[in-house]
Amino acid sequence: AQSIIDRFNAELIGMVADRSYHRLLQLDWIQADVD
């Protein structure tokens, strides 16, 4: 269980950086802490 959550958490920033969030939320611009 903890491994699943840890790996999921680590994947989130990458999804912002590669614009997966934009595509899935259907947004043009988002604000998020990528660095």
PDB file of all heavy atoms in Angstrom:
ATOM      1  N   ALA A   1       0.819  -1.212   0.000  1.00  0.00           N
ATOM      2  CA  ALA A   1       0.000   0.000   0.000  1.00  0.00           C
ATOM      3  C   ALA A   1       0.854   1.264   0.000  1.00  0.00           C
ATOM      4  O   ALA A   1       0.624   2.184  -0.793  1.00  0.00           O
ATOM      5  CB  ALA A   1      -0.931  -0.005   1.216  1.00  0.00           C
ATOM      6  N   GLN A   2       1.856   1.317   0.884  1.00  0.00           N
ATOM      7  CA  GLN A   2       2.680   2.524   0.969  1.00  0.00           C
ATOM      8  C   GLN A   2       3.477   2.732  -0.306  1.00  0.00           C
ATOM      9  O   GLN A   2       3.664   3.872  -0.763  1.00  0.00           O
ATOM     10  CB  GLN A   2       3.626   2.435   2.169  1.00  0.00           C
ATOM     11  CG  GLN A   2       4.360   3.741   2.462  1.00  0.00           C
ATOM     12  CD  GLN A   2       3.405   4.870   2.820  1.00  0.00           C
ATOM     13  OE1 GLN A   2       2.631   4.767   3.774  1.00  0.00           O
ATOM     14  NE2 GLN A   2       3.430   5.952   2.041  1.00  0.00           N
ATOM     15  N   SER A   3       3.948   1.651  -0.911  1.00  0.00           N
ATOM     16  CA  SER A   3       4.692   1.760  -2.168  1.00  0.00           C
ATOM     17  C   SER A   3       3.821   2.335  -3.277  1.00  0.00           C
ATOM     18  O   SER A   3       4.273   3.173  -4.077  1.00  0.00           O
ATOM     19  CB  SER A   3       5.232   0.389  -2.580  1.00  0.00           C
ATOM     20  OG  SER A   3       5.809   0.436  -3.873  1.00  0.00           O
ATOM     21  N   ILE A   4       2.563   1.897  -3.336  1.00  0.00           N
ATOM     22  CA  ILE A   4       1.641   2.424  -4.343  1.00  0.00           C
ATOM     23  C   ILE A   4       1.497   3.933  -4.181  1.00  0.00           C
ATOM     24  O   ILE A   4       1.603   4.703  -5.150  1.00  0.00           O
ATOM     25  CB  ILE A   4       0.268   1.738  -4.228  1.00  0.00           C
ATOM     26  CG1 ILE A   4       0.367   0.262  -4.597  1.00  0.00           C
ATOM     27  CG2 ILE A   4      -0.764   2.438  -5.120  1.00  0.00           C
ATOM     28  CD1 ILE A   4      -0.895  -0.523  -4.297  1.00  0.00           C
ATOM     29  N   ILE A   5       1.269   4.367  -2.944  1.00  0.00           N
ATOM     30  CA  ILE A   5       1.074   5.795  -2.689  1.00  0.00           C
ATOM     31  C   ILE A   5       2.346   6.576  -2.993  1.00  0.00           C
ATOM     32  O   ILE A   5       2.298   7.651  -3.604  1.00  0.00           O
ATOM     33  CB  ILE A   5       0.633   6.015  -1.228  1.00  0.00           C
ATOM     34  CG1 ILE A   5      -0.759   5.409  -0.999  1.00  0.00           C
ATOM     35  CG2 ILE A   5       0.642   7.488  -0.879  1.00  0.00           C
ATOM     36  CD1 ILE A   5      -1.853   5.983  -1.867  1.00  0.00           C
ATOM     37  N   ASP A   6       3.501   6.060  -2.595  1.00  0.00           N
ATOM     38  CA  ASP A   6       4.763   6.768  -2.830  1.00  0.00           C
ATOM     39  C   ASP A   6       5.030   6.932  -4.325  1.00  0.00           C
ATOM     40  O   ASP A   6       5.445   8.006  -4.791  1.00  0.00           O
ATOM     41  CB  ASP A   6       5.927   6.022  -2.179  1.00  0.00           C
ATOM     42  CG  ASP A   6       5.892   6.078  -0.658  1.00  0.00           C
ATOM     43  OD1 ASP A   6       5.164   6.935  -0.117  1.00  0.00           O
ATOM     44  OD2 ASP A   6       6.582   5.257  -0.018  1.00  0.00           O
ATOM     45  N   ARG A   7       4.800   5.866  -5.095  1.00  0.00           N
ATOM     46  CA  ARG A   7       5.046   5.937  -6.531  1.00  0.00           C
ATOM     47  C   ARG A   7       4.034   6.855  -7.218  1.00  0.00           C
ATOM     48  O   ARG A   7       4.372   7.584  -8.148  1.00  0.00           O
ATOM     49  CB  ARG A   7       5.012   4.537  -7.138  1.00  0.00           C
ATOM     50  CG  ARG A   7       6.246   3.708  -6.803  1.00  0.00           C
ATOM     51  CD  ARG A   7       6.199   2.342  -7.461  1.00  0.00           C
ATOM     52  NE  ARG A   7       5.240   1.463  -6.811  1.00  0.00           N
ATOM     53  CZ  ARG A   7       4.639   0.446  -7.405  1.00  0.00           C
ATOM     54  NH1 ARG A   7       4.857   0.206  -8.701  1.00  0.00           N
ATOM     55  NH2 ARG A   7       3.807  -0.321  -6.742  1.00  0.00           N
ATOM     56  N   PHE A   8       2.789   6.825  -6.751  1.00  0.00           N
ATOM     57  CA  PHE A   8       1.769   7.727  -7.284  1.00  0.00           C
ATOM     58  C   PHE A   8       2.161   9.179  -7.030  1.00  0.00           C
ATOM     59  O   PHE A   8       2.102  10.025  -7.937  1.00  0.00           O
ATOM     60  CB  PHE A   8       0.421   7.408  -6.652  1.00  0.00           C
ATOM     61  CG  PHE A   8      -0.674   8.362  -7.033  1.00  0.00           C
ATOM     62  CD1 PHE A   8      -1.360   8.207  -8.219  1.00  0.00           C
ATOM     63  CD2 PHE A   8      -1.020   9.411  -6.192  1.00  0.00           C
ATOM     64  CE1 PHE A   8      -2.380   9.087  -8.579  1.00  0.00           C
ATOM     65  CE2 PHE A   8      -2.033  10.298  -6.532  1.00  0.00           C
ATOM     66  CZ  PHE A   8      -2.713  10.132  -7.730  1.00  0.00           C
ATOM     67  N   ASN A   9       2.563   9.492  -5.802  1.00  0.00           N
ATOM     68  CA  ASN A   9       2.974  10.858  -5.469  1.00  0.00           C
ATOM     69  C   ASN A   9       4.105  11.332  -6.371  1.00  0.00           C
ATOM     70  O   ASN A   9       4.113  12.469  -6.851  1.00  0.00           O
ATOM     71  CB  ASN A   9       3.418  10.937  -4.012  1.00  0.00           C
ATOM     72  CG  ASN A   9       2.264  10.816  -3.037  1.00  0.00           C
ATOM     73  OD1 ASN A   9       1.110  11.012  -3.388  1.00  0.00           O
ATOM     74  ND2 ASN A   9       2.572  10.482  -1.790  1.00  0.00           N
ATOM     75  N   ALA A  10       5.086  10.457  -6.592  1.00  0.00           N
ATOM     76  CA  ALA A  10       6.250  10.826  -7.402  1.00  0.00           C
ATOM     77  C   ALA A  10       5.876  11.085  -8.850  1.00  0.00           C
ATOM     78  O   ALA A  10       6.570  11.848  -9.546  1.00  0.00           O
ATOM     79  CB  ALA A  10       7.309   9.727  -7.321  1.00  0.00           C
ATOM     80  N   GLU A  11       4.804  10.487  -9.312  1.00  0.00           N
ATOM     81  CA  GLU A  11       4.411  10.613 -10.714  1.00  0.00           C
ATOM     82  C   GLU A  11       3.687  11.920 -11.012  1.00  0.00           C
ATOM     83  O   GLU A  11       3.647  12.380 -12.165  1.00  0.00           O
ATOM     84  CB  GLU A  11       3.525   9.436 -11.109  1.00  0.00           C
ATOM     85  CG  GLU A  11       3.328   9.237 -12.594  1.00  0.00           C
ATOM     86  CD  GLU A  11       4.614   8.866 -13.309  1.00  0.00           C
ATOM     87  OE1 GLU A  11       5.492   8.220 -12.686  1.00  0.00           O
ATOM     88  OE2 GLU A  11       4.749   9.236 -14.495  1.00  0.00           O
ATOM     89  N   LEU A  12       3.122  12.565  -9.988  1.00  0.00           N
ATOM     90  CA  LEU A  12       2.255  13.718 -10.208  1.00  0.00           C
ATOM     91  C   LEU A  12       2.972  14.899 -10.857  1.00  0.00           C
ATOM     92  O   LEU A  12       2.452  15.512 -11.796  1.00  0.00           O
ATOM     93  CB  LEU A  12       1.615  14.151  -8.883  1.00  0.00           C
ATOM     94  CG  LEU A  12       0.640  13.146  -8.265  1.00  0.00           C
ATOM     95  CD1 LEU A  12       0.129  13.670  -6.935  1.00  0.00           C
ATOM     96  CD2 LEU A  12      -0.510  12.853  -9.206  1.00  0.00           C
ATOM     97  N   ILE A  13       4.167  15.250 -10.364  1.00  0.00           N
ATOM     98  CA  ILE A  13       4.877  16.396 -10.927  1.00  0.00           C
ATOM     99  C   ILE A  13       5.210  16.156 -12.391  1.00  0.00           C
ATOM    100  O   ILE A  13       5.106  17.073 -13.228  1.00  0.00           O
ATOM    101  CB  ILE A  13       6.159  16.701 -10.120  1.00  0.00           C
ATOM    102  CG1 ILE A  13       5.788  17.239  -8.738  1.00  0.00           C
ATOM    103  CG2 ILE A  13       7.026  17.715 -10.849  1.00  0.00           C
ATOM    104  CD1 ILE A  13       5.018  18.549  -8.774  1.00  0.00           C
ATOM    105  N   GLY A  14       5.601  14.941 -12.728  1.00  0.00           N
ATOM    106  CA  GLY A  14       5.886  14.625 -14.118  1.00  0.00           C
ATOM    107  C   GLY A  14       4.673  14.814 -15.006  1.00  0.00           C
ATOM    108  O   GLY A  14       4.794  15.216 -16.170  1.00  0.00           O
ATOM    109  N   MET A  15       3.493  14.561 -14.476  1.00  0.00           N
ATOM    110  CA  MET A  15       2.278  14.724 -15.259  1.00  0.00           C
ATOM    111  C   MET A  15       1.925  16.191 -15.470  1.00  0.00           C
ATOM    112  O   MET A  15       1.311  16.554 -16.472  1.00  0.00           O
ATOM    113  CB  MET A  15       1.123  13.996 -14.579  1.00  0.00           C
ATOM    114  CG  MET A  15       1.261  12.480 -14.622  1.00  0.00           C
ATOM    115  SD  MET A  15      -0.112  11.623 -13.803  1.00  0.00           S
ATOM    116  CE  MET A  15      -1.491  12.086 -14.853  1.00  0.00           C
ATOM    117  N   VAL A  16       2.321  17.045 -14.531  1.00  0.00           N
ATOM    118  CA  VAL A  16       2.163  18.482 -14.746  1.00  0.00           C
ATOM    119  C   VAL A  16       3.149  18.949 -15.807  1.00  0.00           C
ATOM    120  O   VAL A  16       2.792  19.667 -16.748  1.00  0.00           O
ATOM    121  CB  VAL A  16       2.374  19.270 -13.439  1.00  0.00           C
ATOM    122  CG1 VAL A  16       2.373  20.768 -13.715  1.00  0.00           C
ATOM    123  CG2 VAL A  16       1.308  18.916 -12.417  1.00  0.00           C
ATOM    124  N   ALA A  17       4.396  18.516 -15.670  1.00  0.00           N
ATOM    125  CA  ALA A  17       5.447  18.979 -16.572  1.00  0.00           C
ATOM    126  C   ALA A  17       5.226  18.528 -18.006  1.00  0.00           C
ATOM    127  O   ALA A  17       5.539  19.273 -18.954  1.00  0.00           O
ATOM    128  CB  ALA A  17       6.809  18.501 -16.072  1.00  0.00           C
ATOM    129  N   ASP A  18       4.702  17.325 -18.204  1.00  0.00           N
ATOM    130  CA  ASP A  18       4.506  16.866 -19.585  1.00  0.00           C
ATOM    131  C   ASP A  18       3.098  17.167 -20.097  1.00  0.00           C
ATOM    132  O   ASP A  18       2.688  16.694 -21.136  1.00  0.00           O
ATOM    133  CB  ASP A  18       4.832  15.379 -19.736  1.00  0.00           C
ATOM    134  CG  ASP A  18       3.836  14.452 -19.043  1.00  0.00           C
ATOM    135  OD1 ASP A  18       2.753  14.912 -18.617  1.00  0.00           O
ATOM    136  OD2 ASP A  18       4.136  13.256 -18.930  1.00  0.00           O
ATOM    137  N   ARG A  19       2.355  17.971 -19.366  1.00  0.00           N
ATOM    138  CA  ARG A  19       1.038  18.482 -19.764  1.00  0.00           C
ATOM    139  C   ARG A  19      -0.078  17.448 -19.718  1.00  0.00           C
ATOM    140  O   ARG A  19      -1.146  17.651 -20.291  1.00  0.00           O
ATOM    141  CB  ARG A  19       1.080  19.079 -21.178  1.00  0.00           C
ATOM    142  CG  ARG A  19       1.642  20.486 -21.310  1.00  0.00           C
ATOM    143  CD  ARG A  19       3.087  20.627 -20.946  1.00  0.00           C
ATOM    144  NE  ARG A  19       3.559  21.963 -21.301  1.00  0.00           N
ATOM    145  CZ  ARG A  19       4.712  22.196 -21.910  1.00  0.00           C
ATOM    146  NH1 ARG A  19       5.512  21.194 -22.201  1.00  0.00           N
ATOM    147  NH2 ARG A  19       5.063  23.430 -22.208  1.00  0.00           N
ATOM    148  N   SER A  20       0.139  16.325 -19.050  1.00  0.00           N
ATOM    149  CA  SER A  20      -0.942  15.362 -18.896  1.00  0.00           C
ATOM    150  C   SER A  20      -2.109  15.977 -18.124  1.00  0.00           C
ATOM    151  O   SER A  20      -3.282  15.709 -18.418  1.00  0.00           O
ATOM    152  CB  SER A  20      -0.448  14.114 -18.165  1.00  0.00           C
ATOM    153  OG  SER A  20       0.503  13.419 -18.933  1.00  0.00           O
ATOM    154  N   TYR A  21      -1.808  16.786 -17.115  1.00  0.00           N
ATOM    155  CA  TYR A  21      -2.869  17.453 -16.358  1.00  0.00           C
ATOM    156  C   TYR A  21      -3.739  18.302 -17.275  1.00  0.00           C
ATOM    157  O   TYR A  21      -4.976  18.300 -17.168  1.00  0.00           O
ATOM    158  CB  TYR A  21      -2.265  18.330 -15.266  1.00  0.00           C
ATOM    159  CG  TYR A  21      -2.224  17.704 -13.885  1.00  0.00           C
ATOM    160  CD1 TYR A  21      -1.297  16.727 -13.561  1.00  0.00           C
ATOM    161  CD2 TYR A  21      -3.106  18.109 -12.895  1.00  0.00           C
ATOM    162  CE1 TYR A  21      -1.234  16.174 -12.290  1.00  0.00           C
ATOM    163  CE2 TYR A  21      -3.065  17.568 -11.616  1.00  0.00           C
ATOM    164  CZ  TYR A  21      -2.118  16.601 -11.324  1.00  0.00           C
ATOM    165  OH  TYR A  21      -2.070  16.055 -10.062  1.00  0.00           O
ATOM    166  N   HIS A  22      -3.099  19.078 -18.153  1.00  0.00           N
ATOM    167  CA  HIS A  22      -3.855  19.944 -19.056  1.00  0.00           C
ATOM    168  C   HIS A  22      -4.831  19.133 -19.901  1.00  0.00           C
ATOM    169  O   HIS A  22      -5.998  19.485 -20.053  1.00  0.00           O
ATOM    170  CB  HIS A  22      -2.905  20.708 -19.977  1.00  0.00           C
ATOM    171  CG  HIS A  22      -1.928  21.583 -19.279  1.00  0.00           C
ATOM    172  ND1 HIS A  22      -0.862  21.090 -18.566  1.00  0.00           N
ATOM    173  CD2 HIS A  22      -1.841  22.926 -19.197  1.00  0.00           C
ATOM    174  CE1 HIS A  22      -0.157  22.101 -18.067  1.00  0.00           C
ATOM    175  NE2 HIS A  22      -0.745  23.228 -18.437  1.00  0.00           N
ATOM    176  N   ARG A  23      -4.301  18.057 -20.467  1.00  0.00           N
ATOM    177  CA  ARG A  23      -5.128  17.236 -21.355  1.00  0.00           C
ATOM    178  C   ARG A  23      -6.289  16.602 -20.594  1.00  0.00           C
ATOM    179  O   ARG A  23      -7.432  16.616 -21.056  1.00  0.00           O
ATOM    180  CB  ARG A  23      -4.264  16.145 -21.993  1.00  0.00           C
ATOM    181  CG  ARG A  23      -5.038  15.161 -22.854  1.00  0.00           C
ATOM    182  CD  ARG A  23      -4.108  14.175 -23.534  1.00  0.00           C
ATOM    183  NE  ARG A  23      -3.264  13.455 -22.589  1.00  0.00           N
ATOM    184  CZ  ARG A  23      -3.667  12.382 -21.898  1.00  0.00           C
ATOM    185  NH1 ARG A  23      -4.904  11.920 -22.042  1.00  0.00           N
ATOM    186  NH2 ARG A  23      -2.848  11.772 -21.064  1.00  0.00           N
ATOM    187  N   LEU A  24      -6.003  16.062 -19.408  1.00  0.00           N
ATOM    188  CA  LEU A  24      -7.023  15.348 -18.664  1.00  0.00           C
ATOM    189  C   LEU A  24      -8.047  16.291 -18.034  1.00  0.00           C
ATOM    190  O   LEU A  24      -9.220  15.932 -17.890  1.00  0.00           O
ATOM    191  CB  LEU A  24      -6.371  14.481 -17.589  1.00  0.00           C
ATOM    192  CG  LEU A  24      -5.535  13.321 -18.147  1.00  0.00           C
ATOM    193  CD1 LEU A  24      -4.636  12.733 -17.069  1.00  0.00           C
ATOM    194  CD2 LEU A  24      -6.439  12.232 -18.717  1.00  0.00           C
ATOM    195  N   LEU A  25      -7.626  17.490 -17.638  1.00  0.00           N
ATOM    196  CA  LEU A  25      -8.542  18.464 -17.059  1.00  0.00           C
ATOM    197  C   LEU A  25      -9.102  19.414 -18.110  1.00  0.00           C
ATOM    198  O   LEU A  25      -9.939  20.259 -17.794  1.00  0.00           O
ATOM    199  CB  LEU A  25      -7.844  19.272 -15.956  1.00  0.00           C
ATOM    200  CG  LEU A  25      -7.315  18.485 -14.768  1.00  0.00           C
ATOM    201  CD1 LEU A  25      -6.687  19.424 -13.743  1.00  0.00           C
ATOM    202  CD2 LEU A  25      -8.411  17.653 -14.122  1.00  0.00           C
ATOM    203  N   GLN A  26      -8.613  19.308 -19.347  1.00  0.00           N
ATOM    204  CA  GLN A  26      -9.059  20.140 -20.468  1.00  0.00           C
ATOM    205  C   GLN A  26      -8.872  21.622 -20.165  1.00  0.00           C
ATOM    206  O   GLN A  26      -9.787  22.442 -20.272  1.00  0.00           O
ATOM    207  CB  GLN A  26     -10.509  19.799 -20.807  1.00  0.00           C
ATOM    208  CG  GLN A  26     -10.673  18.344 -21.222  1.00  0.00           C
ATOM    209  CD  GLN A  26     -12.054  18.015 -21.721  1.00  0.00           C
ATOM    210  OE1 GLN A  26     -12.927  18.878 -21.765  1.00  0.00           O
ATOM    211  NE2 GLN A  26     -12.277  16.772 -22.110  1.00  0.00           N
ATOM    212  N   LEU A  27      -7.628  21.966 -19.797  1.00  0.00           N
ATOM    213  CA  LEU A  27      -7.271  23.341 -19.465  1.00  0.00           C
ATOM    214  C   LEU A  27      -6.127  23.814 -20.350  1.00  0.00           C
ATOM    215  O   LEU A  27      -5.287  23.021 -20.771  1.00  0.00           O
ATOM    216  CB  LEU A  27      -6.836  23.430 -17.998  1.00  0.00           C
ATOM    217  CG  LEU A  27      -7.913  23.114 -16.954  1.00  0.00           C
ATOM    218  CD1 LEU A  27      -7.280  22.976 -15.578  1.00  0.00           C
ATOM    219  CD2 LEU A  27      -8.979  24.207 -16.941  1.00  0.00           C
ATOM    220  N   ASP A  28      -6.082  25.119 -20.608  1.00  0.00           N
ATOM    221  CA  ASP A  28      -4.998  25.691 -21.404  1.00  0.00           C
ATOM    222  C   ASP A  28      -3.790  26.071 -20.549  1.00  0.00           C
ATOM    223  O   ASP A  28      -2.653  25.877 -20.956  1.00  0.00           O
ATOM    224  CB  ASP A  28      -5.492  26.924 -22.157  1.00  0.00           C
ATOM    225  CG  ASP A  28      -6.448  26.569 -23.278  1.00  0.00           C
ATOM    226  OD1 ASP A  28      -6.424  25.408 -23.724  1.00  0.00           O
ATOM    227  OD2 ASP A  28      -7.221  27.448 -23.703  1.00  0.00           O
ATOM    228  N   TRP A  29      -4.040  26.653 -19.384  1.00  0.00           N
ATOM    229  CA  TRP A  29      -2.970  27.064 -18.467  1.00  0.00           C
ATOM    230  C   TRP A  29      -3.302  26.571 -17.068  1.00  0.00           C
ATOM    231  O   TRP A  29      -4.448  26.678 -16.619  1.00  0.00           O
ATOM    232  CB  TRP A  29      -2.844  28.586 -18.404  1.00  0.00           C
ATOM    233  CG  TRP A  29      -2.233  29.244 -19.605  1.00  0.00           C
ATOM    234  CD1 TRP A  29      -2.884  29.646 -20.732  1.00  0.00           C
ATOM    235  CD2 TRP A  29      -0.859  29.601 -19.786  1.00  0.00           C
ATOM    236  NE1 TRP A  29      -1.982  30.222 -21.600  1.00  0.00           N
ATOM    237  CE2 TRP A  29      -0.741  30.216 -21.050  1.00  0.00           C
ATOM    238  CE3 TRP A  29       0.290  29.450 -18.997  1.00  0.00           C
ATOM    239  CZ2 TRP A  29       0.473  30.686 -21.545  1.00  0.00           C
ATOM    240  CZ3 TRP A  29       1.494  29.922 -19.484  1.00  0.00           C
ATOM    241  CH2 TRP A  29       1.584  30.533 -20.751  1.00  0.00           C
ATOM    242  N   ILE A  30      -2.307  26.052 -16.381  1.00  0.00           N
ATOM    243  CA  ILE A  30      -2.462  25.747 -14.961  1.00  0.00           C
ATOM    244  C   ILE A  30      -1.296  26.365 -14.203  1.00  0.00           C
ATOM    245  O   ILE A  30      -0.250  26.683 -14.782  1.00  0.00           O
ATOM    246  CB  ILE A  30      -2.519  24.237 -14.673  1.00  0.00           C
ATOM    247  CG1 ILE A  30      -1.216  23.550 -15.091  1.00  0.00           C
ATOM    248  CG2 ILE A  30      -3.720  23.589 -15.360  1.00  0.00           C
ATOM    249  CD1 ILE A  30      -1.182  22.075 -14.729  1.00  0.00           C
ATOM    250  N   GLN A  31      -1.495  26.547 -12.917  1.00  0.00           N
ATOM    251  CA  GLN A  31      -0.416  26.981 -12.031  1.00  0.00           C
ATOM    252  C   GLN A  31      -0.099  25.843 -11.063  1.00  0.00           C
ATOM    253  O   GLN A  31      -0.991  25.356 -10.367  1.00  0.00           O
ATOM    254  CB  GLN A  31      -0.822  28.232 -11.258  1.00  0.00           C
ATOM    255  CG  GLN A  31      -0.964  29.474 -12.119  1.00  0.00           C
ATOM    256  CD  GLN A  31      -1.250  30.705 -11.273  1.00  0.00           C
ATOM    257  OE1 GLN A  31      -0.480  31.050 -10.379  1.00  0.00           O
ATOM    258  NE2 GLN A  31      -2.362  31.357 -11.552  1.00  0.00           N
ATOM    259  N   ALA A  32       1.161  25.438 -11.046  1.00  0.00           N
ATOM    260  CA  ALA A  32       1.597  24.358 -10.163  1.00  0.00           C
ATOM    261  C   ALA A  32       3.090  24.509  -9.916  1.00  0.00           C
ATOM    262  O   ALA A  32       3.820  25.084 -10.733  1.00  0.00           O
ATOM    263  CB  ALA A  32       1.293  23.002 -10.781  1.00  0.00           C
ATOM    264  N   ASP A  33       3.541  23.980  -8.797  1.00  0.00           N
ATOM    265  CA  ASP A  33       4.957  24.067  -8.432  1.00  0.00           C
ATOM    266  C   ASP A  33       5.726  22.921  -9.092  1.00  0.00           C
ATOM    267  O   ASP A  33       5.793  21.822  -8.558  1.00  0.00           O
ATOM    268  CB  ASP A  33       5.104  24.005  -6.915  1.00  0.00           C
ATOM    269  CG  ASP A  33       6.546  24.116  -6.450  1.00  0.00           C
ATOM    270  OD1 ASP A  33       7.405  24.503  -7.268  1.00  0.00           O
ATOM    271  OD2 ASP A  33       6.815  23.813  -5.274  1.00  0.00           O
ATOM    272  N   VAL A  34       6.314  23.169 -10.264  1.00  0.00           N
ATOM    273  CA  VAL A  34       7.017  22.110 -10.984  1.00  0.00           C
ATOM    274  C   VAL A  34       8.493  22.014 -10.611  1.00  0.00           C
ATOM    275  O   VAL A  34       9.145  21.000 -10.888  1.00  0.00           O
ATOM    276  CB  VAL A  34       6.888  22.283 -12.517  1.00  0.00           C
ATOM    277  CG1 VAL A  34       5.458  22.093 -12.963  1.00  0.00           C
ATOM    278  CG2 VAL A  34       7.426  23.638 -12.965  1.00  0.00           C
ATOM    279  N   ASP A  35       9.058  23.052 -10.001  1.00  0.00           N
ATOM    280  CA  ASP A  35      10.484  23.010  -9.667  1.00  0.00           C
ATOM    281  C   ASP A  35      10.743  22.820  -8.172  1.00  0.00           C
ATOM    282  O   ASP A  35      11.893  22.826  -7.726  1.00  0.00           O
ATOM    283  CB  ASP A  35      11.203  24.262 -10.173  1.00  0.00           C
ATOM    284  CG  ASP A  35      10.656  25.547  -9.566  1.00  0.00           C
ATOM    285  OD1 ASP A  35       9.708  25.479  -8.749  1.00  0.00           O
ATOM    286  OD2 ASP A  35      11.161  26.640  -9.927  1.00  0.00           O
TER     287      ASP A  35
END
